[in-house]
Amino acid sequence: MVYEKIIKRLFSLALAIVMEIVLFIPLLIVGLMIKLTSKGPVLFVQERFGKNLKTF
């Protein structure tokens, strides 16, 4: 039972690492395309208002 949890965790980590490597190049290309075609930043940042209209 414990070994199954360890194997499942290792499989999840390995899959996450592989997907990060596979998706890095397309995401980098998209980020460069956004930066070259628009004035603003690649990632949109917005100020939000919380309790008592404090921004976070």
PDB file of N, CA and C in Angstrom:
ATOM      1  N   MET A   1       0.830  -1.200   0.000  1.00  0.00           N
ATOM      2  CA  MET A   1       0.000   0.000   0.000  1.00  0.00           C
ATOM      3  C   MET A   1       0.865   1.252   0.000  1.00  0.00           C
ATOM      4  N   VAL A   2       1.873   1.283   0.837  1.00  0.00           N
ATOM      5  CA  VAL A   2       2.756   2.442   0.888  1.00  0.00           C
ATOM      6  C   VAL A   2       3.524   2.566  -0.420  1.00  0.00           C
ATOM      7  N   TYR A   3       3.967   1.426  -0.972  1.00  0.00           N
ATOM      8  CA  TYR A   3       4.700   1.446  -2.225  1.00  0.00           C
ATOM      9  C   TYR A   3       3.843   1.971  -3.366  1.00  0.00           C
ATOM     10  N   GLU A   4       2.547   1.682  -3.352  1.00  0.00           N
ATOM     11  CA  GLU A   4       1.653   2.184  -4.394  1.00  0.00           C
ATOM     12  C   GLU A   4       1.580   3.706  -4.351  1.00  0.00           C
ATOM     13  N   LYS A   5       1.541   4.280  -3.151  1.00  0.00           N
ATOM     14  CA  LYS A   5       1.505   5.738  -3.018  1.00  0.00           C
ATOM     15  C   LYS A   5       2.809   6.360  -3.507  1.00  0.00           C
ATOM     16  N   ILE A   6       3.931   5.704  -3.191  1.00  0.00           N
ATOM     17  CA  ILE A   6       5.227   6.217  -3.628  1.00  0.00           C
ATOM     18  C   ILE A   6       5.342   6.141  -5.140  1.00  0.00           C
ATOM     19  N   ILE A   7       4.926   5.029  -5.728  1.00  0.00           N
ATOM     20  CA  ILE A   7       4.987   4.863  -7.180  1.00  0.00           C
ATOM     21  C   ILE A   7       4.071   5.875  -7.870  1.00  0.00           C
ATOM     22  N   LYS A   8       2.887   6.076  -7.321  1.00  0.00           N
ATOM     23  CA  LYS A   8       1.951   7.039  -7.907  1.00  0.00           C
ATOM     24  C   LYS A   8       2.532   8.446  -7.849  1.00  0.00           C
ATOM     25  N   ARG A   9       3.159   8.794  -6.731  1.00  0.00           N
ATOM     26  CA  ARG A   9       3.771  10.116  -6.579  1.00  0.00           C
ATOM     27  C   ARG A   9       4.926  10.293  -7.567  1.00  0.00           C
ATOM     28  N   LEU A  10       5.777   9.290  -7.698  1.00  0.00           N
ATOM     29  CA  LEU A  10       6.891   9.368  -8.634  1.00  0.00           C
ATOM     30  C   LEU A  10       6.409   9.472 -10.074  1.00  0.00           C
ATOM     31  N   PHE A  11       5.349   8.729 -10.413  1.00  0.00           N
ATOM     32  CA  PHE A  11       4.776   8.817 -11.756  1.00  0.00           C
ATOM     33  C   PHE A  11       4.226  10.214 -12.022  1.00  0.00           C
ATOM     34  N   SER A  12       3.554  10.793 -11.043  1.00  0.00           N
ATOM     35  CA  SER A  12       2.995  12.134 -11.205  1.00  0.00           C
ATOM     36  C   SER A  12       4.106  13.163 -11.396  1.00  0.00           C
ATOM     37  N   LEU A  13       5.153  13.058 -10.611  1.00  0.00           N
ATOM     38  CA  LEU A  13       6.274  13.986 -10.747  1.00  0.00           C
ATOM     39  C   LEU A  13       6.963  13.838 -12.102  1.00  0.00           C
ATOM     40  N   ALA A  14       7.181  12.607 -12.527  1.00  0.00           N
ATOM     41  CA  ALA A  14       7.829  12.371 -13.819  1.00  0.00           C
ATOM     42  C   ALA A  14       6.971  12.930 -14.958  1.00  0.00           C
ATOM     43  N   LEU A  15       5.675  12.710 -14.899  1.00  0.00           N
ATOM     44  CA  LEU A  15       4.781  13.227 -15.932  1.00  0.00           C
ATOM     45  C   LEU A  15       4.779  14.754 -15.935  1.00  0.00           C
ATOM     46  N   ALA A  16       4.773  15.364 -14.759  1.00  0.00           N
ATOM     47  CA  ALA A  16       4.793  16.822 -14.675  1.00  0.00           C
ATOM     48  C   ALA A  16       6.085  17.390 -15.259  1.00  0.00           C
ATOM     49  N   ILE A  17       7.211  16.747 -14.990  1.00  0.00           N
ATOM     50  CA  ILE A  17       8.486  17.217 -15.517  1.00  0.00           C
ATOM     51  C   ILE A  17       8.519  17.086 -17.041  1.00  0.00           C
ATOM     52  N   VAL A  18       8.047  15.966 -17.557  1.00  0.00           N
ATOM     53  CA  VAL A  18       8.019  15.766 -19.008  1.00  0.00           C
ATOM     54  C   VAL A  18       7.110  16.799 -19.673  1.00  0.00           C
ATOM     55  N   MET A  19       5.942  17.038 -19.112  1.00  0.00           N
ATOM     56  CA  MET A  19       5.014  18.004 -19.701  1.00  0.00           C
ATOM     57  C   MET A  19       5.575  19.421 -19.627  1.00  0.00           C
ATOM     58  N   GLU A  20       6.310  19.730 -18.563  1.00  0.00           N
ATOM     59  CA  GLU A  20       6.930  21.052 -18.463  1.00  0.00           C
ATOM     60  C   GLU A  20       7.958  21.241 -19.573  1.00  0.00           C
ATOM     61  N   ILE A  21       8.736  20.219 -19.841  1.00  0.00           N
ATOM     62  CA  ILE A  21       9.732  20.299 -20.905  1.00  0.00           C
ATOM     63  C   ILE A  21       9.053  20.411 -22.268  1.00  0.00           C
ATOM     64  N   VAL A  22       8.006  19.633 -22.497  1.00  0.00           N
ATOM     65  CA  VAL A  22       7.304  19.642 -23.792  1.00  0.00           C
ATOM     66  C   VAL A  22       6.619  20.983 -24.039  1.00  0.00           C
ATOM     67  N   LEU A  23       6.024  21.579 -23.010  1.00  0.00           N
ATOM     68  CA  LEU A  23       5.255  22.809 -23.189  1.00  0.00           C
ATOM     69  C   LEU A  23       6.100  24.073 -23.096  1.00  0.00           C
ATOM     70  N   PHE A  24       7.352  23.958 -22.682  1.00  0.00           N
ATOM     71  CA  PHE A  24       8.189  25.140 -22.501  1.00  0.00           C
ATOM     72  C   PHE A  24       8.388  25.902 -23.811  1.00  0.00           C
ATOM     73  N   ILE A  25       8.726  25.204 -24.875  1.00  0.00           N
ATOM     74  CA  ILE A  25       9.011  25.853 -26.159  1.00  0.00           C
ATOM     75  C   ILE A  25       7.770  26.560 -26.722  1.00  0.00           C
ATOM     76  N   PRO A  26       6.603  25.891 -26.813  1.00  0.00           N
ATOM     77  CA  PRO A  26       5.427  26.617 -27.338  1.00  0.00           C
ATOM     78  C   PRO A  26       5.038  27.822 -26.476  1.00  0.00           C
ATOM     79  N   LEU A  27       5.132  27.693 -25.161  1.00  0.00           N
ATOM     80  CA  LEU A  27       4.784  28.823 -24.305  1.00  0.00           C
ATOM     81  C   LEU A  27       5.779  29.965 -24.454  1.00  0.00           C
ATOM     82  N   LEU A  28       7.037  29.643 -24.654  1.00  0.00           N
ATOM     83  CA  LEU A  28       8.041  30.669 -24.882  1.00  0.00           C
ATOM     84  C   LEU A  28       7.775  31.401 -26.192  1.00  0.00           C
ATOM     85  N   ILE A  29       7.409  30.663 -27.236  1.00  0.00           N
ATOM     86  CA  ILE A  29       7.091  31.277 -28.537  1.00  0.00           C
ATOM     87  C   ILE A  29       5.874  32.182 -28.425  1.00  0.00           C
ATOM     88  N   VAL A  30       4.851  31.723 -27.736  1.00  0.00           N
ATOM     89  CA  VAL A  30       3.637  32.541 -27.570  1.00  0.00           C
ATOM     90  C   VAL A  30       3.955  33.805 -26.772  1.00  0.00           C
ATOM     91  N   GLY A  31       4.745  33.676 -25.727  1.00  0.00           N
ATOM     92  CA  GLY A  31       5.130  34.846 -24.935  1.00  0.00           C
ATOM     93  C   GLY A  31       5.913  35.857 -25.744  1.00  0.00           C
ATOM     94  N   LEU A  32       6.829  35.378 -26.576  1.00  0.00           N
ATOM     95  CA  LEU A  32       7.586  36.289 -27.438  1.00  0.00           C
ATOM     96  C   LEU A  32       6.688  36.960 -28.469  1.00  0.00           C
ATOM     97  N   MET A  33       5.735  36.220 -29.022  1.00  0.00           N
ATOM     98  CA  MET A  33       4.812  36.798 -29.993  1.00  0.00           C
ATOM     99  C   MET A  33       3.959  37.887 -29.351  1.00  0.00           C
ATOM    100  N   ILE A  34       3.496  37.652 -28.130  1.00  0.00           N
ATOM    101  CA  ILE A  34       2.700  38.660 -27.430  1.00  0.00           C
ATOM    102  C   ILE A  34       3.538  39.899 -27.170  1.00  0.00           C
ATOM    103  N   LYS A  35       4.770  39.701 -26.719  1.00  0.00           N
ATOM    104  CA  LYS A  35       5.643  40.832 -26.410  1.00  0.00           C
ATOM    105  C   LYS A  35       5.964  41.648 -27.651  1.00  0.00           C
ATOM    106  N   LEU A  36       6.164  40.989 -28.776  1.00  0.00           N
ATOM    107  CA  LEU A  36       6.522  41.700 -30.005  1.00  0.00           C
ATOM    108  C   LEU A  36       5.344  42.412 -30.658  1.00  0.00           C
ATOM    109  N   THR A  37       4.125  41.952 -30.408  1.00  0.00           N
ATOM    110  CA  THR A  37       2.969  42.528 -31.098  1.00  0.00           C
ATOM    111  C   THR A  37       2.136  43.475 -30.236  1.00  0.00           C
ATOM    112  N   SER A  38       2.426  43.599 -28.956  1.00  0.00           N
ATOM    113  CA  SER A  38       1.644  44.511 -28.120  1.00  0.00           C
ATOM    114  C   SER A  38       2.553  45.303 -27.191  1.00  0.00           C
ATOM    115  N   LYS A  39       2.041  46.438 -26.732  1.00  0.00           N
ATOM    116  CA  LYS A  39       2.830  47.332 -25.879  1.00  0.00           C
ATOM    117  C   LYS A  39       2.926  46.835 -24.441  1.00  0.00           C
ATOM    118  N   GLY A  40       1.893  46.181 -23.958  1.00  0.00           N
ATOM    119  CA  GLY A  40       1.813  45.803 -22.560  1.00  0.00           C
ATOM    120  C   GLY A  40       2.677  44.609 -22.206  1.00  0.00           C
ATOM    121  N   PRO A  41       2.616  44.230 -20.943  1.00  0.00           N
ATOM    122  CA  PRO A  41       3.388  43.073 -20.498  1.00  0.00           C
ATOM    123  C   PRO A  41       2.790  41.766 -21.008  1.00  0.00           C
ATOM    124  N   VAL A  42       3.578  40.704 -20.946  1.00  0.00           N
ATOM    125  CA  VAL A  42       3.108  39.392 -21.399  1.00  0.00           C
ATOM    126  C   VAL A  42       2.030  38.865 -20.465  1.00  0.00           C
ATOM    127  N   LEU A  43       2.236  39.027 -19.164  1.00  0.00           N
ATOM    128  CA  LEU A  43       1.260  38.570 -18.173  1.00  0.00           C
ATOM    129  C   LEU A  43       0.419  39.748 -17.703  1.00  0.00           C
ATOM    130  N   PHE A  44      -0.890  39.597 -17.734  1.00  0.00           N
ATOM    131  CA  PHE A  44      -1.813  40.641 -17.318  1.00  0.00           C
ATOM    132  C   PHE A  44      -1.899  40.676 -15.800  1.00  0.00           C
ATOM    133  N   VAL A  45      -1.705  41.861 -15.236  1.00  0.00           N
ATOM    134  CA  VAL A  45      -1.810  42.033 -13.788  1.00  0.00           C
ATOM    135  C   VAL A  45      -2.895  43.065 -13.521  1.00  0.00           C
ATOM    136  N   GLN A  46      -3.792  42.724 -12.621  1.00  0.00           N
ATOM    137  CA  GLN A  46      -4.907  43.609 -12.333  1.00  0.00           C
ATOM    138  C   GLN A  46      -5.000  43.819 -10.830  1.00  0.00           C
ATOM    139  N   GLU A  47      -5.217  45.071 -10.414  1.00  0.00           N
ATOM    140  CA  GLU A  47      -5.446  45.343  -8.999  1.00  0.00           C
ATOM    141  C   GLU A  47      -6.896  44.997  -8.679  1.00  0.00           C
ATOM    142  N   ARG A  48      -7.077  44.260  -7.604  1.00  0.00           N
ATOM    143  CA  ARG A  48      -8.423  43.865  -7.188  1.00  0.00           C
ATOM    144  C   ARG A  48      -8.734  44.529  -5.858  1.00  0.00           C
ATOM    145  N   PHE A  49     -10.001  44.792  -5.606  1.00  0.00           N
ATOM    146  CA  PHE A  49     -10.411  45.433  -4.370  1.00  0.00           C
ATOM    147  C   PHE A  49     -11.022  44.388  -3.444  1.00  0.00           C
ATOM    148  N   GLY A  50     -10.590  44.432  -2.184  1.00  0.00           N
ATOM    149  CA  GLY A  50     -11.093  43.498  -1.189  1.00  0.00           C
ATOM    150  C   GLY A  50     -11.921  44.240  -0.147  1.00  0.00           C
ATOM    151  N   LYS A  51     -11.869  43.729   1.046  1.00  0.00           N
ATOM    152  CA  LYS A  51     -12.632  44.300   2.147  1.00  0.00           C
ATOM    153  C   LYS A  51     -12.173  45.736   2.414  1.00  0.00           C
ATOM    154  N   ASN A  52     -13.112  46.622   2.647  1.00  0.00           N
ATOM    155  CA  ASN A  52     -12.858  48.050   2.879  1.00  0.00           C
ATOM    156  C   ASN A  52     -12.112  48.694   1.702  1.00  0.00           C
ATOM    157  N   LEU A  53     -12.342  48.203   0.522  1.00  0.00           N
ATOM    158  CA  LEU A  53     -11.758  48.713  -0.716  1.00  0.00           C
ATOM    159  C   LEU A  53     -10.240  48.750  -0.701  1.00  0.00           C
ATOM    160  N   LYS A  54      -9.619  47.833   0.021  1.00  0.00           N
ATOM    161  CA  LYS A  54      -8.157  47.714   0.021  1.00  0.00           C
ATOM    162  C   LYS A  54      -7.759  46.870  -1.192  1.00  0.00           C
ATOM    163  N   THR A  55      -6.715  47.325  -1.898  1.00  0.00           N
ATOM    164  CA  THR A  55      -6.262  46.596  -3.069  1.00  0.00           C
ATOM    165  C   THR A  55      -5.335  45.474  -2.672  1.00  0.00           C
ATOM    166  N   PHE A  56      -5.374  44.421  -3.449  1.00  0.00           N
ATOM    167  CA  PHE A  56      -4.433  43.323  -3.238  1.00  0.00           C
ATOM    168  C   PHE A  56      -4.049  42.735  -4.568  1.00  0.00           C
TER     169      PHE A  56
END
